[in-house]
Amino acid sequence: CILGHEFSGVIVDAGEDVDQSLIQSKITCAPYVPCNNCSECRDELYELCNYKDGISSGTFTEYITIPKNVAEKGMVVLSNDCNMLELSLSEPVACVLNSVRKLNFKPGSNVLIMGAGSMGLIHAEILKKFGANKILVTDFNEKRLKVAQEIGACVANPQKTDLKEWVKEQTKGEGLDYIVVAIGAPEAVEEAFNYANNGTIINIFGGLANGSRINIDPNIIHYNEVKLVGSFGFTPNDFRMAARLLQTQRISLGKIITAHIEIESIKKAFEMSLQQETIKVVISL
């Protein structure tokens, strides 16, 4: 089994019924595309399609095959001068765009992002570009908080800060419009409700282990009209927008990519990814 699903590359060959002028083009491609026919697709929940079609194998290899259906729905041809390292991360950016859409985000809003891993930081980068008023990021890792600060977020370590007071101070008493839980921990979801005010939308973005349970007071949802939503994956439109944002440099992931490793040293890349100071490792040929 070959791992990997985030990639960019160059087309070296194409089937007979494919436009041959695409050969030598730089591209990125969604690792899966929806069928467009099932009930989820008819409801425009393309990311939840039960009949997805995907690339032929994992992407930690020199060559992959992209089926015609996947190429037609999910491939984006890139400019020759694009940053291929950053474009290889179109998929995680697309997942964040889906998250922002599920929040029904509005410019001028205040957002708390719980977790300064790669996905939390991509949220910060995108929400900054989309016009958030205040972006607050919390994490226990000081190095990751420093990166969030460089992106433009206000940061706090829960071990050192009274977060309720900090949120109140940073938002000048307005409170939070949105909370993104970018940590795969049930207690983080529970904690998010401590910082919600009337009408806050909380998104469970970080996946939780099977069998996880959360304990919350339903009256917070009922009387304060707090909304709890989830987001998973992305749509083809999310993926195309992600590639466009990266290609036009409207967003940059330079601060999030902490290591660039050749595929011959892939074991080192996995070892680095387990280290706390590492945010995102990109592997290249």
C-alpha atoms as a PDB file:
ATOM      1  CA  CYS A   1       0.000   0.000   0.000  1.00  0.00           C
ATOM      2  CA  ILE A   2       1.419   3.375  -1.060  1.00  0.00           C
ATOM      3  CA  LEU A   3       0.575   6.286   1.214  1.00  0.00           C
ATOM      4  CA  GLY A   4      -0.007   9.928   0.327  1.00  0.00           C
ATOM      5  CA  HIS A   5      -2.843  11.985  -1.148  1.00  0.00           C
ATOM      6  CA  GLU A   6      -1.528  15.574  -1.310  1.00  0.00           C
ATOM      7  CA  PHE A   7       0.568  16.261  -4.397  1.00  0.00           C
ATOM      8  CA  SER A   8       1.572  18.342  -7.372  1.00  0.00           C
ATOM      9  CA  GLY A   9       3.485  17.102 -10.388  1.00  0.00           C
ATOM     10  CA  VAL A  10       4.122  17.102 -14.130  1.00  0.00           C
ATOM     11  CA  ILE A  11       2.144  15.111 -16.719  1.00  0.00           C
ATOM     12  CA  VAL A  12       4.560  12.796 -18.545  1.00  0.00           C
ATOM     13  CA  ASP A  13       2.064  10.782 -20.590  1.00  0.00           C
ATOM     14  CA  ALA A  14      -1.634  10.766 -21.441  1.00  0.00           C
ATOM     15  CA  GLY A  15      -4.128   8.257 -22.811  1.00  0.00           C
ATOM     16  CA  GLU A  16      -5.177   8.292 -26.441  1.00  0.00           C
ATOM     17  CA  ASP A  17      -8.508   9.979 -25.698  1.00  0.00           C
ATOM     18  CA  VAL A  18      -6.893  12.736 -23.620  1.00  0.00           C
ATOM     19  CA  ASP A  19      -5.644  16.125 -24.858  1.00  0.00           C
ATOM     20  CA  GLN A  20      -1.989  15.428 -25.688  1.00  0.00           C
ATOM     21  CA  SER A  21      -1.064  19.091 -25.293  1.00  0.00           C
ATOM     22  CA  LEU A  22      -1.339  18.562 -21.525  1.00  0.00           C
ATOM     23  CA  ILE A  23       1.879  16.541 -21.536  1.00  0.00           C
ATOM     24  CA  GLN A  24       4.624  18.410 -19.620  1.00  0.00           C
ATOM     25  CA  SER A  25       2.019  20.579 -17.892  1.00  0.00           C
ATOM     26  CA  LYS A  26       2.413  21.220 -14.179  1.00  0.00           C
ATOM     27  CA  ILE A  27      -0.700  20.150 -12.305  1.00  0.00           C
ATOM     28  CA  THR A  28      -2.272  19.394  -8.988  1.00  0.00           C
ATOM     29  CA  CYS A  29      -5.313  17.187  -8.612  1.00  0.00           C
ATOM     30  CA  ALA A  30      -7.932  16.343  -6.024  1.00  0.00           C
ATOM     31  CA  PRO A  31      -7.301  12.834  -4.661  1.00  0.00           C
ATOM     32  CA  TYR A  32     -11.003  12.051  -5.063  1.00  0.00           C
ATOM     33  CA  VAL A  33     -14.040  13.395  -6.910  1.00  0.00           C
ATOM     34  CA  PRO A  34     -17.789  12.858  -6.345  1.00  0.00           C
ATOM     35  CA  CYS A  35     -20.128  10.890  -8.587  1.00  0.00           C
ATOM     36  CA  ASN A  36     -22.565  13.846  -8.967  1.00  0.00           C
ATOM     37  CA  ASN A  37     -25.511  11.415  -9.014  1.00  0.00           C
ATOM     38  CA  CYS A  38     -26.145  10.129  -5.470  1.00  0.00           C
ATOM     39  CA  SER A  39     -28.473  11.727  -2.921  1.00  0.00           C
ATOM     40  CA  GLU A  40     -25.580  13.485  -1.168  1.00  0.00           C
ATOM     41  CA  CYS A  41     -24.386  14.975  -4.433  1.00  0.00           C
ATOM     42  CA  ARG A  42     -27.905  16.081  -5.309  1.00  0.00           C
ATOM     43  CA  ASP A  43     -27.938  17.896  -1.953  1.00  0.00           C
ATOM     44  CA  GLU A  44     -24.574  19.472  -2.908  1.00  0.00           C
ATOM     45  CA  LEU A  45     -22.805  17.545  -0.140  1.00  0.00           C
ATOM     46  CA  TYR A  46     -20.190  16.422  -2.637  1.00  0.00           C
ATOM     47  CA  GLU A  47     -17.586  15.814   0.075  1.00  0.00           C
ATOM     48  CA  LEU A  48     -19.883  13.125   1.543  1.00  0.00           C
ATOM     49  CA  CYS A  49     -20.479  11.280  -1.738  1.00  0.00           C
ATOM     50  CA  ASN A  50     -20.619   7.515  -1.171  1.00  0.00           C
ATOM     51  CA  TYR A  51     -19.376   6.697  -4.671  1.00  0.00           C
ATOM     52  CA  LYS A  52     -16.195   8.743  -4.957  1.00  0.00           C
ATOM     53  CA  ASP A  53     -13.653   7.997  -7.666  1.00  0.00           C
ATOM     54  CA  GLY A  54      -9.979   8.530  -6.864  1.00  0.00           C
ATOM     55  CA  ILE A  55      -6.392   8.462  -8.040  1.00  0.00           C
ATOM     56  CA  SER A  56      -4.834   5.080  -8.728  1.00  0.00           C
ATOM     57  CA  SER A  57      -2.553   4.866  -5.689  1.00  0.00           C
ATOM     58  CA  GLY A  58      -0.881   6.843  -2.956  1.00  0.00           C
ATOM     59  CA  THR A  59       1.311   9.747  -4.039  1.00  0.00           C
ATOM     60  CA  PHE A  60       4.585   8.927  -2.246  1.00  0.00           C
ATOM     61  CA  THR A  61       5.952   7.546  -5.501  1.00  0.00           C
ATOM     62  CA  GLU A  62       7.539   8.794  -8.710  1.00  0.00           C
ATOM     63  CA  TYR A  63       4.535   8.097 -10.951  1.00  0.00           C
ATOM     64  CA  ILE A  64       0.792   7.852 -10.401  1.00  0.00           C
ATOM     65  CA  THR A  65      -2.125   7.313 -12.771  1.00  0.00           C
ATOM     66  CA  ILE A  66      -5.013   9.762 -12.714  1.00  0.00           C
ATOM     67  CA  PRO A  67      -8.222   8.263 -14.165  1.00  0.00           C
ATOM     68  CA  LYS A  68      -9.914  10.394 -16.819  1.00  0.00           C
ATOM     69  CA  ASN A  69     -12.987  11.030 -14.650  1.00  0.00           C
ATOM     70  CA  VAL A  70     -10.815  12.272 -11.774  1.00  0.00           C
ATOM     71  CA  ALA A  71      -8.737  14.449 -14.093  1.00  0.00           C
ATOM     72  CA  GLU A  72     -11.819  16.022 -15.674  1.00  0.00           C
ATOM     73  CA  LYS A  73     -13.403  16.894 -12.321  1.00  0.00           C
ATOM     74  CA  GLY A  74     -10.408  17.442 -10.071  1.00  0.00           C
ATOM     75  CA  MET A  75      -7.270  18.380 -12.011  1.00  0.00           C
ATOM     76  CA  VAL A  76      -5.949  21.949 -12.086  1.00  0.00           C
ATOM     77  CA  VAL A  77      -3.330  22.950 -14.674  1.00  0.00           C
ATOM     78  CA  LEU A  78      -0.761  25.292 -13.141  1.00  0.00           C
ATOM     79  CA  SER A  79       1.435  28.057 -14.479  1.00  0.00           C
ATOM     80  CA  ASN A  80       5.077  27.265 -15.193  1.00  0.00           C
ATOM     81  CA  ASP A  81       6.290  29.682 -12.510  1.00  0.00           C
ATOM     82  CA  CYS A  82       4.068  28.368  -9.703  1.00  0.00           C
ATOM     83  CA  ASN A  83       5.406  27.228  -6.335  1.00  0.00           C
ATOM     84  CA  MET A  84       4.999  23.473  -6.659  1.00  0.00           C
ATOM     85  CA  LEU A  85       5.769  22.848  -2.990  1.00  0.00           C
ATOM     86  CA  GLU A  86       2.893  25.035  -1.826  1.00  0.00           C
ATOM     87  CA  LEU A  87       0.550  23.826  -4.591  1.00  0.00           C
ATOM     88  CA  SER A  88       1.055  20.269  -3.355  1.00  0.00           C
ATOM     89  CA  LEU A  89      -0.942  21.369  -0.305  1.00  0.00           C
ATOM     90  CA  SER A  90      -4.049  22.352  -2.260  1.00  0.00           C
ATOM     91  CA  GLU A  91      -5.954  19.484  -0.621  1.00  0.00           C
ATOM     92  CA  PRO A  92      -5.578  20.629   3.016  1.00  0.00           C
ATOM     93  CA  VAL A  93      -6.344  24.196   1.937  1.00  0.00           C
ATOM     94  CA  ALA A  94      -9.498  22.877   0.236  1.00  0.00           C
ATOM     95  CA  CYS A  95     -10.537  21.153   3.475  1.00  0.00           C
ATOM     96  CA  VAL A  96     -10.162  24.460   5.314  1.00  0.00           C
ATOM     97  CA  LEU A  97     -12.223  26.267   2.667  1.00  0.00           C
ATOM     98  CA  ASN A  98     -14.997  23.729   3.264  1.00  0.00           C
ATOM     99  CA  SER A  99     -14.697  24.421   6.994  1.00  0.00           C
ATOM    100  CA  VAL A 100     -14.977  28.176   6.470  1.00  0.00           C
ATOM    101  CA  ARG A 101     -18.030  27.622   4.268  1.00  0.00           C
ATOM    102  CA  LYS A 102     -19.691  25.482   6.936  1.00  0.00           C
ATOM    103  CA  LEU A 103     -19.145  28.338   9.404  1.00  0.00           C
ATOM    104  CA  ASN A 104     -21.029  30.675   7.069  1.00  0.00           C
ATOM    105  CA  PHE A 105     -18.123  33.036   7.741  1.00  0.00           C
ATOM    106  CA  LYS A 106     -18.636  36.779   7.429  1.00  0.00           C
ATOM    107  CA  PRO A 107     -15.839  39.380   7.198  1.00  0.00           C
ATOM    108  CA  GLY A 108     -15.308  41.444  10.331  1.00  0.00           C
ATOM    109  CA  SER A 109     -15.983  38.476  12.628  1.00  0.00           C
ATOM    110  CA  ASN A 110     -14.003  37.247  15.629  1.00  0.00           C
ATOM    111  CA  VAL A 111     -12.660  33.689  15.427  1.00  0.00           C
ATOM    112  CA  LEU A 112     -10.986  31.350  17.903  1.00  0.00           C
ATOM    113  CA  ILE A 113      -8.911  28.511  16.456  1.00  0.00           C
ATOM    114  CA  MET A 114      -8.104  25.812  18.988  1.00  0.00           C
ATOM    115  CA  GLY A 115      -4.916  24.113  17.826  1.00  0.00           C
ATOM    116  CA  ALA A 116      -1.906  25.505  15.952  1.00  0.00           C
ATOM    117  CA  GLY A 117      -1.034  22.466  13.898  1.00  0.00           C
ATOM    118  CA  SER A 118      -0.877  22.754  10.121  1.00  0.00           C
ATOM    119  CA  MET A 119      -4.668  22.811   9.696  1.00  0.00           C
ATOM    120  CA  GLY A 120      -5.221  25.345  12.459  1.00  0.00           C
ATOM    121  CA  LEU A 121      -2.574  27.599  10.934  1.00  0.00           C
ATOM    122  CA  ILE A 122      -4.071  27.255   7.445  1.00  0.00           C
ATOM    123  CA  HIS A 123      -7.371  28.359   8.981  1.00  0.00           C
ATOM    124  CA  ALA A 124      -5.608  31.426  10.380  1.00  0.00           C
ATOM    125  CA  GLU A 125      -4.027  32.250   7.013  1.00  0.00           C
ATOM    126  CA  ILE A 126      -7.297  31.910   5.092  1.00  0.00           C
ATOM    127  CA  LEU A 127      -9.478  33.718   7.629  1.00  0.00           C
ATOM    128  CA  LYS A 128      -7.012  36.598   7.647  1.00  0.00           C
ATOM    129  CA  LYS A 129      -7.312  36.899   3.861  1.00  0.00           C
ATOM    130  CA  PHE A 130     -11.096  36.607   4.061  1.00  0.00           C
ATOM    131  CA  GLY A 131     -11.323  39.608   6.387  1.00  0.00           C
ATOM    132  CA  ALA A 132     -11.648  38.314   9.947  1.00  0.00           C
ATOM    133  CA  ASN A 133     -11.516  41.047  12.573  1.00  0.00           C
ATOM    134  CA  LYS A 134      -9.733  39.120  15.326  1.00  0.00           C
ATOM    135  CA  ILE A 135      -8.129  35.710  14.897  1.00  0.00           C
ATOM    136  CA  LEU A 136      -7.278  34.048  18.193  1.00  0.00           C
ATOM    137  CA  VAL A 137      -5.189  30.863  18.287  1.00  0.00           C
ATOM    138  CA  THR A 138      -4.531  28.636  21.283  1.00  0.00           C
ATOM    139  CA  ASP A 139      -2.017  25.822  21.652  1.00  0.00           C
ATOM    140  CA  PHE A 140       0.403  24.376  24.214  1.00  0.00           C
ATOM    141  CA  ASN A 141       3.320  24.537  21.743  1.00  0.00           C
ATOM    142  CA  GLU A 142       5.103  27.900  21.928  1.00  0.00           C
ATOM    143  CA  LYS A 143       6.899  27.456  18.596  1.00  0.00           C
ATOM    144  CA  ARG A 144       3.629  26.862  16.777  1.00  0.00           C
ATOM    145  CA  LEU A 145       2.065  29.832  18.541  1.00  0.00           C
ATOM    146  CA  LYS A 146       4.935  31.969  17.275  1.00  0.00           C
ATOM    147  CA  VAL A 147       4.115  30.936  13.694  1.00  0.00           C
ATOM    148  CA  ALA A 148       0.445  31.775  14.277  1.00  0.00           C
ATOM    149  CA  GLN A 149       1.532  35.174  15.550  1.00  0.00           C
ATOM    150  CA  GLU A 150       3.641  35.719  12.428  1.00  0.00           C
ATOM    151  CA  ILE A 151       0.569  34.938  10.319  1.00  0.00           C
ATOM    152  CA  GLY A 152      -1.305  37.677  12.172  1.00  0.00           C
ATOM    153  CA  ALA A 153      -3.155  35.919  14.982  1.00  0.00           C
ATOM    154  CA  CYS A 154      -3.332  36.777  18.663  1.00  0.00           C
ATOM    155  CA  VAL A 155      -2.060  33.752  20.569  1.00  0.00           C
ATOM    156  CA  ALA A 156      -2.296  32.203  24.018  1.00  0.00           C
ATOM    157  CA  ASN A 157      -1.109  29.084  25.805  1.00  0.00           C
ATOM    158  CA  PRO A 158      -3.969  27.607  27.895  1.00  0.00           C
ATOM    159  CA  GLN A 159      -1.432  26.481  30.493  1.00  0.00           C
ATOM    160  CA  LYS A 160      -0.391  30.081  31.091  1.00  0.00           C
ATOM    161  CA  THR A 161      -3.519  32.109  30.356  1.00  0.00           C
ATOM    162  CA  ASP A 162      -7.073  32.448  31.647  1.00  0.00           C
ATOM    163  CA  LEU A 163      -8.660  31.951  28.239  1.00  0.00           C
ATOM    164  CA  LYS A 164     -12.087  33.299  29.153  1.00  0.00           C
ATOM    165  CA  GLU A 165     -10.600  36.610  30.253  1.00  0.00           C
ATOM    166  CA  TRP A 166      -8.191  36.634  27.330  1.00  0.00           C
ATOM    167  CA  VAL A 167     -10.989  36.147  24.780  1.00  0.00           C
ATOM    168  CA  LYS A 168     -12.987  38.918  26.418  1.00  0.00           C
ATOM    169  CA  GLU A 169      -9.986  41.241  26.376  1.00  0.00           C
ATOM    170  CA  GLN A 170      -8.931  40.477  22.801  1.00  0.00           C
ATOM    171  CA  THR A 171     -12.451  40.938  21.406  1.00  0.00           C
ATOM    172  CA  LYS A 172     -13.093  44.036  23.551  1.00  0.00           C
ATOM    173  CA  GLY A 173     -16.072  42.333  25.118  1.00  0.00           C
ATOM    174  CA  GLU A 174     -17.716  41.422  21.796  1.00  0.00           C
ATOM    175  CA  GLY A 175     -16.999  37.721  22.169  1.00  0.00           C
ATOM    176  CA  LEU A 176     -16.564  35.131  19.457  1.00  0.00           C
ATOM    177  CA  ASP A 177     -18.586  34.611  16.311  1.00  0.00           C
ATOM    178  CA  TYR A 178     -16.864  31.346  15.402  1.00  0.00           C
ATOM    179  CA  ILE A 179     -14.764  28.669  17.073  1.00  0.00           C
ATOM    180  CA  VAL A 180     -12.815  26.085  15.063  1.00  0.00           C
ATOM    181  CA  VAL A 181     -11.725  23.009  17.017  1.00  0.00           C
ATOM    182  CA  ALA A 182      -8.671  21.907  15.034  1.00  0.00           C
ATOM    183  CA  ILE A 183      -7.630  19.345  17.656  1.00  0.00           C
ATOM    184  CA  GLY A 184      -8.712  15.717  17.613  1.00  0.00           C
ATOM    185  CA  ALA A 185      -9.675  15.615  21.285  1.00  0.00           C
ATOM    186  CA  PRO A 186     -13.200  15.374  22.782  1.00  0.00           C
ATOM    187  CA  GLU A 187     -12.211  17.586  25.718  1.00  0.00           C
ATOM    188  CA  ALA A 188     -11.318  20.369  23.283  1.00  0.00           C
ATOM    189  CA  VAL A 189     -14.856  20.286  21.868  1.00  0.00           C
ATOM    190  CA  GLU A 190     -16.275  20.460  25.384  1.00  0.00           C
ATOM    191  CA  GLU A 191     -13.947  23.325  26.257  1.00  0.00           C
ATOM    192  CA  ALA A 192     -15.034  25.293  23.190  1.00  0.00           C
ATOM    193  CA  PHE A 193     -18.456  25.782  24.755  1.00  0.00           C
ATOM    194  CA  ASN A 194     -16.789  27.672  27.623  1.00  0.00           C
ATOM    195  CA  TYR A 195     -15.794  30.437  25.195  1.00  0.00           C
ATOM    196  CA  ALA A 196     -18.993  30.581  23.147  1.00  0.00           C
ATOM    197  CA  ASN A 197     -21.416  33.456  23.503  1.00  0.00           C
ATOM    198  CA  ASN A 198     -24.880  33.974  22.006  1.00  0.00           C
ATOM    199  CA  GLY A 199     -25.019  32.699  18.437  1.00  0.00           C
ATOM    200  CA  THR A 200     -21.454  31.397  18.253  1.00  0.00           C
ATOM    201  CA  ILE A 201     -20.896  28.685  15.633  1.00  0.00           C
ATOM    202  CA  ILE A 202     -18.521  25.897  16.713  1.00  0.00           C
ATOM    203  CA  ASN A 203     -17.002  23.655  14.033  1.00  0.00           C
ATOM    204  CA  ILE A 204     -15.561  20.256  14.929  1.00  0.00           C
ATOM    205  CA  PHE A 205     -12.794  20.211  12.313  1.00  0.00           C
ATOM    206  CA  GLY A 206     -10.315  17.836  13.936  1.00  0.00           C
ATOM    207  CA  GLY A 207     -11.307  14.199  13.546  1.00  0.00           C
ATOM    208  CA  LEU A 208     -11.903  12.253  16.766  1.00  0.00           C
ATOM    209  CA  ALA A 209     -11.146   8.615  17.556  1.00  0.00           C
ATOM    210  CA  ASN A 210     -13.959   6.138  16.940  1.00  0.00           C
ATOM    211  CA  GLY A 211     -16.193   5.858  19.983  1.00  0.00           C
ATOM    212  CA  SER A 212     -15.378   9.341  21.280  1.00  0.00           C
ATOM    213  CA  ARG A 213     -18.038  11.036  23.394  1.00  0.00           C
ATOM    214  CA  ILE A 214     -18.531  14.636  24.489  1.00  0.00           C
ATOM    215  CA  ASN A 215     -20.393  15.942  27.520  1.00  0.00           C
ATOM    216  CA  ILE A 216     -22.027  19.333  26.994  1.00  0.00           C
ATOM    217  CA  ASP A 217     -24.923  21.260  28.495  1.00  0.00           C
ATOM    218  CA  PRO A 218     -27.693  21.249  25.842  1.00  0.00           C
ATOM    219  CA  ASN A 219     -29.144  24.417  27.358  1.00  0.00           C
ATOM    220  CA  ILE A 220     -26.161  26.330  25.977  1.00  0.00           C
ATOM    221  CA  ILE A 221     -27.262  25.280  22.496  1.00  0.00           C
ATOM    222  CA  HIS A 222     -30.936  25.893  23.241  1.00  0.00           C
ATOM    223  CA  TYR A 223     -30.972  29.186  25.144  1.00  0.00           C
ATOM    224  CA  ASN A 224     -27.827  30.771  23.667  1.00  0.00           C
ATOM    225  CA  GLU A 225     -28.485  29.473  20.146  1.00  0.00           C
ATOM    226  CA  VAL A 226     -24.944  28.162  19.918  1.00  0.00           C
ATOM    227  CA  LYS A 227     -24.573  26.048  16.776  1.00  0.00           C
ATOM    228  CA  LEU A 228     -22.395  22.937  16.586  1.00  0.00           C
ATOM    229  CA  VAL A 229     -21.374  21.886  13.078  1.00  0.00           C
ATOM    230  CA  GLY A 230     -18.818  19.605  11.502  1.00  0.00           C
ATOM    231  CA  SER A 231     -16.810  19.675   8.301  1.00  0.00           C
ATOM    232  CA  PHE A 232     -15.048  16.862   6.507  1.00  0.00           C
ATOM    233  CA  GLY A 233     -13.131  16.817   3.244  1.00  0.00           C
ATOM    234  CA  PHE A 234     -13.805  19.192   0.375  1.00  0.00           C
ATOM    235  CA  THR A 235     -15.749  19.705  -2.834  1.00  0.00           C
ATOM    236  CA  PRO A 236     -14.253  20.072  -6.328  1.00  0.00           C
ATOM    237  CA  ASN A 237     -14.980  23.805  -6.141  1.00  0.00           C
ATOM    238  CA  ASP A 238     -13.101  24.019  -2.834  1.00  0.00           C
ATOM    239  CA  PHE A 239     -10.118  22.317  -4.440  1.00  0.00           C
ATOM    240  CA  ARG A 240     -10.089  24.603  -7.469  1.00  0.00           C
ATOM    241  CA  MET A 241     -10.338  27.667  -5.240  1.00  0.00           C
ATOM    242  CA  ALA A 242      -7.507  26.366  -3.057  1.00  0.00           C
ATOM    243  CA  ALA A 243      -5.221  25.949  -6.055  1.00  0.00           C
ATOM    244  CA  ARG A 244      -6.194  29.396  -7.326  1.00  0.00           C
ATOM    245  CA  LEU A 245      -5.477  31.067  -3.965  1.00  0.00           C
ATOM    246  CA  LEU A 246      -2.067  29.411  -3.794  1.00  0.00           C
ATOM    247  CA  GLN A 247      -1.163  29.998  -7.433  1.00  0.00           C
ATOM    248  CA  THR A 248      -2.036  33.701  -7.275  1.00  0.00           C
ATOM    249  CA  GLN A 249      -0.248  33.950  -3.909  1.00  0.00           C
ATOM    250  CA  ARG A 250      -3.328  35.341  -2.178  1.00  0.00           C
ATOM    251  CA  ILE A 251      -2.369  32.967   0.595  1.00  0.00           C
ATOM    252  CA  SER A 252       1.074  31.629   1.458  1.00  0.00           C
ATOM    253  CA  LEU A 253       2.035  28.458   3.299  1.00  0.00           C
ATOM    254  CA  GLY A 254       5.726  29.291   3.542  1.00  0.00           C
ATOM    255  CA  LYS A 255       5.593  29.658   7.323  1.00  0.00           C
ATOM    256  CA  ILE A 256       3.705  26.378   7.695  1.00  0.00           C
ATOM    257  CA  ILE A 257       6.096  24.221   5.620  1.00  0.00           C
ATOM    258  CA  THR A 258       8.860  23.585   8.158  1.00  0.00           C
ATOM    259  CA  ALA A 259      10.778  20.937   6.210  1.00  0.00           C
ATOM    260  CA  HIS A 260      11.367  19.863   2.601  1.00  0.00           C
ATOM    261  CA  ILE A 261      12.674  16.300   2.316  1.00  0.00           C
ATOM    262  CA  GLU A 262      13.688  14.262  -0.741  1.00  0.00           C
ATOM    263  CA  ILE A 263      11.724  11.043  -1.184  1.00  0.00           C
ATOM    264  CA  GLU A 264      14.884   8.969  -0.644  1.00  0.00           C
ATOM    265  CA  SER A 265      14.778  10.185   2.981  1.00  0.00           C
ATOM    266  CA  ILE A 266      11.058   9.570   3.474  1.00  0.00           C
ATOM    267  CA  LYS A 267      11.697   7.722   6.749  1.00  0.00           C
ATOM    268  CA  LYS A 268      13.317  10.884   8.098  1.00  0.00           C
ATOM    269  CA  ALA A 269      10.274  12.876   6.956  1.00  0.00           C
ATOM    270  CA  PHE A 270       7.944  10.664   8.997  1.00  0.00           C
ATOM    271  CA  GLU A 271      10.250  10.871  12.007  1.00  0.00           C
ATOM    272  CA  MET A 272      10.323  14.656  11.738  1.00  0.00           C
ATOM    273  CA  SER A 273       6.540  14.831  11.482  1.00  0.00           C
ATOM    274  CA  LEU A 274       6.310  13.290  14.960  1.00  0.00           C
ATOM    275  CA  GLN A 275       8.394  16.070  16.497  1.00  0.00           C
ATOM    276  CA  GLN A 276       6.564  18.894  18.254  1.00  0.00           C
ATOM    277  CA  GLU A 277       8.484  21.644  16.466  1.00  0.00           C
ATOM    278  CA  THR A 278       7.514  20.280  13.029  1.00  0.00           C
ATOM    279  CA  ILE A 279       4.367  21.678  11.436  1.00  0.00           C
ATOM    280  CA  LYS A 280       4.271  20.396   7.852  1.00  0.00           C
ATOM    281  CA  VAL A 281       6.797  18.288   5.961  1.00  0.00           C
ATOM    282  CA  VAL A 282       6.726  18.299   2.148  1.00  0.00           C
ATOM    283  CA  ILE A 283       8.350  15.417   0.249  1.00  0.00           C
ATOM    284  CA  SER A 284       9.720  15.828  -3.276  1.00  0.00           C
ATOM    285  CA  LEU A 285      11.518  13.758  -5.898  1.00  0.00           C
END
